[in-house]
């Protein structure tokens, strides 16, 4: 653990910045996973095609 005031101040600033940006920034990386939907089946089968 450090006792340097400048390192502690930098750490505290980083924690405050992460808190201010909050979940919006962290969860943005999960958009592709959270928005995933299974492929939809086609409503009909074209002639000569099997399901």
Protein backbone atom coordinates (compact mmCIF):
# COMPACT_ATOMS: atom_id res chain seq x y z
CA UNK A 1 0.00 0.00 0.00
CA UNK A 2 1.28 3.45 -0.83
CA UNK A 3 1.50 6.44 1.43
CA UNK A 4 2.34 8.95 -1.30
CA UNK A 5 -0.20 11.77 -1.29
CA UNK A 6 0.01 12.24 -5.06
CA UNK A 7 -0.67 8.54 -5.75
CA UNK A 8 -3.56 8.53 -3.27
CA UNK A 9 -5.01 11.68 -4.86
CA UNK A 10 -4.69 10.12 -8.33
CA UNK A 11 -6.38 6.93 -7.13
CA UNK A 12 -9.23 8.86 -5.51
CA UNK A 13 -9.72 10.96 -8.65
CA UNK A 14 -9.86 7.81 -10.79
CA UNK A 15 -12.44 6.27 -8.46
CA UNK A 16 -14.58 9.45 -8.55
CA UNK A 17 -14.36 9.59 -12.36
CA UNK A 18 -15.41 5.93 -12.67
CA UNK A 19 -18.31 6.60 -10.30
CA UNK A 20 -19.39 9.68 -12.27
CA UNK A 21 -19.32 7.82 -15.59
CA UNK A 22 -20.95 4.92 -13.86
CA UNK A 23 -22.78 1.98 -15.28
CA UNK A 24 -23.47 3.65 -18.62
CA UNK A 25 -19.86 3.30 -19.71
CA UNK A 26 -19.31 -0.11 -18.17
CA UNK A 27 -22.50 -1.62 -19.53
CA UNK A 28 -22.04 -0.16 -23.03
CA UNK A 29 -19.53 -2.92 -23.69
CA UNK A 30 -22.22 -5.51 -23.07
CA UNK A 31 -24.73 -4.07 -25.56
CA UNK A 32 -24.00 -6.72 -28.17
CA UNK A 33 -24.66 -9.48 -25.66
CA UNK A 34 -27.68 -7.93 -23.97
CA UNK A 35 -29.41 -7.07 -27.28
CA UNK A 36 -28.90 -10.52 -28.84
CA UNK A 37 -32.02 -12.23 -30.13
CA UNK A 38 -32.16 -15.75 -31.57
CA UNK A 39 -32.53 -15.94 -35.35
CA UNK A 40 -36.14 -15.96 -36.51
CA UNK A 41 -37.43 -18.89 -38.51
CA UNK A 42 -38.63 -18.08 -41.98
CA UNK A 43 -42.42 -18.11 -42.18
CA UNK A 44 -42.45 -20.30 -45.30
CA UNK A 45 -40.25 -22.68 -47.23
CA UNK A 46 -39.36 -21.95 -50.86
CA UNK A 47 -40.08 -24.59 -53.47
CA UNK A 48 -37.55 -27.40 -53.48
CA UNK A 49 -36.19 -26.37 -50.11
CA UNK A 50 -36.39 -28.42 -46.92
CA UNK A 51 -36.85 -27.16 -43.42
